[in-house]
Every structure is written in C-alpha cells, then in structure tokens.
C-alpha cells in the first residue's frame, strides 16, 4: 500500500504502483490502516459490460487513489481515458470519441445505507469495494448528450436519406421548390 506512515508520522510512498485489472478492489489493508493513509493503483480495466449502448474500443486506463477516512474510504479516479464508439445523431454513421475523467471522487462507507445517494458501500464480508457503478456513473456524466461524427456533420437529406457528408442530394432542390409548406406564406408576403 502506498502512503504508509513511518513512526515519525511522515508518509512514505512506494515507488511501484500496482495495476488494478478488475472492478473489485480489495481494501483490507486500507481498512486496517489509520485515518489519513493513502494507496494508489494504475487502472487497466475492461469495462465494456458497463456500457451496453456503446461500443467500447479500449480498456479504461488511468490512476486510482484511495484515502482512509474515519467512515471508510474516498476513492479518486484521476486522468482516466476510455475510447468508445457511438452513433452520430445527424448522419447515423459511427462516431469515435474519448471519454476523459480528470478527478472523479466518491466516498465508500463502512456503514452505508440507501439514503447515502452520493456514497457507495464497502463489502465488509469480502473486504472489497465494487468500482462498477462508480466508474459507470462517472463516465456517463462525461459522455456528450449529442454525439457527432465530426463537428460540422451535415447530416442526411430529410427527403431521400442521402448522407450529405458524402455528397450532395439531387432531390433536395426539386422537393423544396414543389412541396415547401411555407411557400404560400412567402407568396402572401410578396402580395402585401
């Protein structure tokens, strides 16, 4: 565990940081430590099952820090990235994006109850925390509400469905001239 204290009260840090490859984190050493002690892990997590509506294209990579508190632990995911693919809302083509977590923080409590909406429980029987919901919620918070294949996506023709990023639509001008619902208003304004 990184951050164990010397007898003089100063923290010592380990130069090697373990890599966490599972969403279950064993916390026995941290729970047996004193308040204020810390630990750190490198993240290399497979999280595709947490995002059934996205195509996950990489593992979640970043850092995880833990701080022992009087009530449990504070976990911080720092500088984490996940590459995903979704669908562009304008043209329905694949849209690649990178989700980034700078400093996502959550509290994990030894004596958790359901009214603790912003905290998660520590499994005291197994002496571990499940990072799944924490990671899922934080990554969905940074997922854009509207996803585009590129910033200036032109979308599709509303008449024939032609992807306007790939070429112009030949039906667009004819359809606009013949069936424009506002053409009558335009003609009325010309008459006045």
Protein backbone atom coordinates (compact mmCIF):
# COMPACT_ATOMS: atom_id res chain seq x y z
CA UNK A 1 0.00 0.00 0.00
CA UNK A 2 1.43 3.39 -0.95
CA UNK A 3 1.32 6.03 1.73
CA UNK A 4 2.04 4.01 4.88
CA UNK A 5 3.30 6.10 7.81
CA UNK A 6 6.74 5.93 9.41
CA UNK A 7 6.98 6.02 13.19
CA UNK A 8 7.71 9.75 13.00
CA UNK A 9 4.29 10.39 11.41
CA UNK A 10 5.56 11.19 7.90
CA UNK A 11 4.18 9.34 4.91
CA UNK A 12 6.39 7.01 2.94
CA UNK A 13 5.45 6.33 -0.65
CA UNK A 14 6.11 3.23 -2.62
CA UNK A 15 7.82 3.75 -5.95
CA UNK A 16 5.97 0.84 -7.58
CA UNK A 17 2.25 1.21 -8.17
CA UNK A 18 0.18 -1.94 -8.66
CA UNK A 19 -2.05 -2.25 -11.70
CA UNK A 20 -5.71 -2.87 -10.98
CA UNK A 21 -7.27 -5.09 -13.67
CA UNK A 22 -10.61 -5.87 -12.05
CA UNK A 23 -13.56 -3.75 -10.92
CA UNK A 24 -13.36 -5.30 -7.43
CA UNK A 25 -10.78 -3.65 -5.21
CA UNK A 26 -9.53 -5.42 -2.09
CA UNK A 27 -9.35 -2.88 0.74
CA UNK A 28 -8.39 -4.95 3.79
CA UNK A 29 -5.02 -3.22 4.24
CA UNK A 30 -6.61 0.22 3.90
CA UNK A 31 -9.40 -0.57 6.37
CA UNK A 32 -6.80 -1.78 8.88
CA UNK A 33 -4.75 1.40 8.45
CA UNK A 34 -5.05 4.70 10.25
CA UNK A 35 -7.17 7.61 9.10
CA UNK A 36 -5.32 9.69 6.50
CA UNK A 37 -3.34 6.84 4.97
CA UNK A 38 -3.37 6.55 1.19
CA UNK A 39 -2.90 3.99 -1.54
CA UNK A 40 -2.58 4.25 -5.30
CA UNK A 41 -3.16 1.95 -8.27
CA UNK A 42 -2.76 2.19 -12.00
CA UNK A 43 -6.01 1.32 -13.81
CA UNK A 44 -6.25 -1.07 -16.73
CA UNK A 45 -9.90 -2.12 -16.60
CA UNK A 46 -12.19 -3.94 -19.03
CA UNK A 47 -15.48 -2.05 -18.71
CA UNK A 48 -17.42 -2.98 -21.88
CA UNK A 49 -20.16 -4.77 -19.91
CA UNK A 50 -20.97 -1.49 -18.12
CA UNK A 51 -21.92 0.22 -21.42
CA UNK A 52 -24.30 -1.94 -23.48
CA UNK A 53 -25.32 1.03 -25.65
CA UNK A 54 -21.75 1.93 -26.66
CA UNK A 55 -19.03 0.04 -28.47
CA UNK A 56 -16.08 0.16 -26.08
CA UNK A 57 -12.83 0.23 -28.07
CA UNK A 58 -10.24 0.29 -25.28
CA UNK A 59 -9.66 -0.53 -21.66
CA UNK A 60 -10.14 2.19 -19.06
CA UNK A 61 -6.64 3.47 -18.29
CA UNK A 62 -5.76 5.94 -15.57
CA UNK A 63 -4.98 6.14 -11.87
CA UNK A 64 -6.92 5.35 -8.72
CA UNK A 65 -6.12 6.90 -5.36
CA UNK A 66 -7.65 5.94 -2.04
CA UNK A 67 -7.70 7.85 1.24
CA UNK A 68 -8.68 6.22 4.55
CA UNK A 69 -11.28 8.29 6.42
CA UNK A 70 -12.99 7.81 9.77
CA UNK A 71 -16.11 6.43 7.99
CA UNK A 72 -14.49 4.45 5.19
CA UNK A 73 -12.62 5.48 2.06
CA UNK A 74 -12.53 8.25 -0.50
CA UNK A 75 -11.62 6.97 -3.96
CA UNK A 76 -10.42 9.27 -6.74
CA UNK A 77 -10.08 8.25 -10.38
CA UNK A 78 -7.55 10.59 -11.99
CA UNK A 79 -6.58 11.18 -15.61
CA UNK A 80 -8.53 8.18 -16.91
CA UNK A 81 -9.49 7.63 -20.55
CA UNK A 82 -11.80 5.29 -22.38
CA UNK A 83 -12.24 5.12 -26.17
CA UNK A 84 -15.79 4.37 -27.30
CA UNK A 85 -17.85 4.40 -30.46
CA UNK A 86 -21.44 5.53 -30.74
CA UNK A 87 -23.74 6.77 -33.50
CA UNK A 88 -23.79 10.31 -34.88
CA UNK A 89 -27.13 11.99 -34.18
CA UNK A 90 -27.09 13.78 -37.56
CA UNK A 91 -25.98 11.18 -40.09
CA UNK A 92 -26.21 7.86 -38.16
CA UNK A 93 -22.60 6.99 -39.01
CA UNK A 94 -20.11 5.69 -36.44
CA UNK A 95 -18.70 8.37 -34.14
CA UNK A 96 -15.48 7.73 -32.20
CA UNK A 97 -14.83 9.63 -29.01
CA UNK A 98 -12.60 9.53 -25.96
CA UNK A 99 -14.22 9.87 -22.55
CA UNK A 100 -11.89 11.51 -20.01
CA UNK A 101 -12.13 11.59 -16.24
CA UNK A 102 -9.91 14.23 -14.65
CA UNK A 103 -10.73 13.85 -10.92
CA UNK A 104 -13.80 11.72 -10.23
CA UNK A 105 -14.32 11.33 -6.49
CA UNK A 106 -16.69 9.13 -4.49
CA UNK A 107 -16.97 8.09 -0.88
CA UNK A 108 -17.23 4.42 0.11
CA UNK A 109 -18.66 3.89 3.59
CA UNK A 110 -18.25 1.03 6.06
CA UNK A 111 -21.74 1.63 7.47
CA UNK A 112 -23.64 2.56 4.32
CA UNK A 113 -27.41 2.84 3.97
CA UNK A 114 -29.59 3.51 0.95
CA UNK A 115 -30.17 7.15 1.90
CA UNK A 116 -26.49 7.81 1.16
CA UNK A 117 -27.10 8.67 -2.50
CA UNK A 118 -23.64 10.05 -3.23
CA UNK A 119 -21.74 7.23 -1.48
CA UNK A 120 -21.21 3.53 -2.10
CA UNK A 121 -20.92 0.61 0.32
CA UNK A 122 -17.79 -1.25 1.36
CA UNK A 123 -18.41 -5.00 1.36
CA UNK A 124 -17.20 -5.78 4.87
CA UNK A 125 -17.61 -9.55 4.42
CA UNK A 126 -15.26 -9.66 1.43
CA UNK A 127 -13.29 -6.55 2.45
CA UNK A 128 -13.59 -5.05 -1.02
CA UNK A 129 -15.33 -2.31 -2.94
CA UNK A 130 -17.06 -2.74 -6.28
CA UNK A 131 -15.98 0.04 -8.63
CA UNK A 132 -18.53 -0.81 -11.35
CA UNK A 133 -21.29 1.68 -10.54
CA UNK A 134 -18.82 4.45 -9.62
CA UNK A 135 -16.99 4.09 -12.94
CA UNK A 136 -20.21 3.71 -14.97
CA UNK A 137 -21.83 6.82 -13.47
CA UNK A 138 -18.73 8.98 -13.86
CA UNK A 139 -18.16 8.01 -17.49
CA UNK A 140 -21.82 8.60 -18.40
CA UNK A 141 -21.51 12.07 -16.85
CA UNK A 142 -18.76 13.00 -19.33
CA UNK A 143 -20.50 11.39 -22.32
CA UNK A 144 -21.82 14.19 -24.56
CA UNK A 145 -25.60 14.42 -24.77
CA UNK A 146 -25.41 14.77 -28.56
CA UNK A 147 -22.71 12.79 -30.34
CA UNK A 148 -21.43 13.83 -33.78
CA UNK A 149 -19.10 12.00 -36.17
CA UNK A 150 -17.36 15.35 -36.72
CA UNK A 151 -18.11 18.89 -35.51
CA UNK A 152 -19.53 20.07 -38.85
CA UNK A 153 -21.53 16.98 -39.76
CA UNK A 154 -24.06 17.90 -42.47
CA UNK A 155 -26.48 15.10 -41.58
CA UNK A 156 -28.78 13.38 -44.08
CA UNK A 157 -31.33 14.64 -46.59
CA UNK A 158 -34.76 14.60 -44.99
CA UNK A 159 -36.29 13.59 -48.34
CA UNK A 160 -34.12 10.73 -49.61
CA UNK A 161 -31.73 9.95 -46.74
CA UNK A 162 -28.53 10.76 -48.66
CA UNK A 163 -25.59 11.30 -46.29
CA UNK A 164 -24.70 14.92 -47.09
CA UNK A 165 -21.14 14.40 -45.82
CA UNK A 166 -20.54 12.06 -48.78
CA UNK A 167 -22.14 14.17 -51.49
CA UNK A 168 -24.95 16.47 -52.46
CA UNK A 169 -28.51 15.35 -52.75
CA UNK A 170 -30.25 15.70 -56.15
CA UNK A 171 -33.79 15.56 -54.81
CA UNK A 172 -33.36 18.38 -52.33
CA UNK A 173 -33.87 21.36 -54.66
CA UNK A 174 -36.82 19.85 -56.52
CA UNK A 175 -38.55 18.79 -53.31
CA UNK A 176 -38.01 22.20 -51.72
CA UNK A 177 -39.49 24.04 -54.72
CA UNK A 178 -42.53 21.78 -55.07
CA UNK A 179 -43.53 20.94 -51.52
CA UNK A 180 -42.31 23.79 -49.35
CA UNK A 181 -45.02 24.22 -46.67
CA UNK A 182 -44.01 27.85 -46.19
CA UNK A 183 -44.19 28.75 -49.87
CA UNK A 184 -47.79 30.00 -49.51
CA UNK A 185 -46.77 32.30 -46.65
CA UNK A 186 -43.89 33.58 -48.72
CA UNK A 187 -46.26 34.27 -51.63
CA UNK A 188 -48.69 36.09 -49.28
CA UNK A 189 -45.91 38.33 -48.00
CA UNK A 190 -44.96 39.23 -51.58
CA UNK A 191 -48.57 40.29 -52.28
CA UNK A 192 -48.61 42.77 -49.39
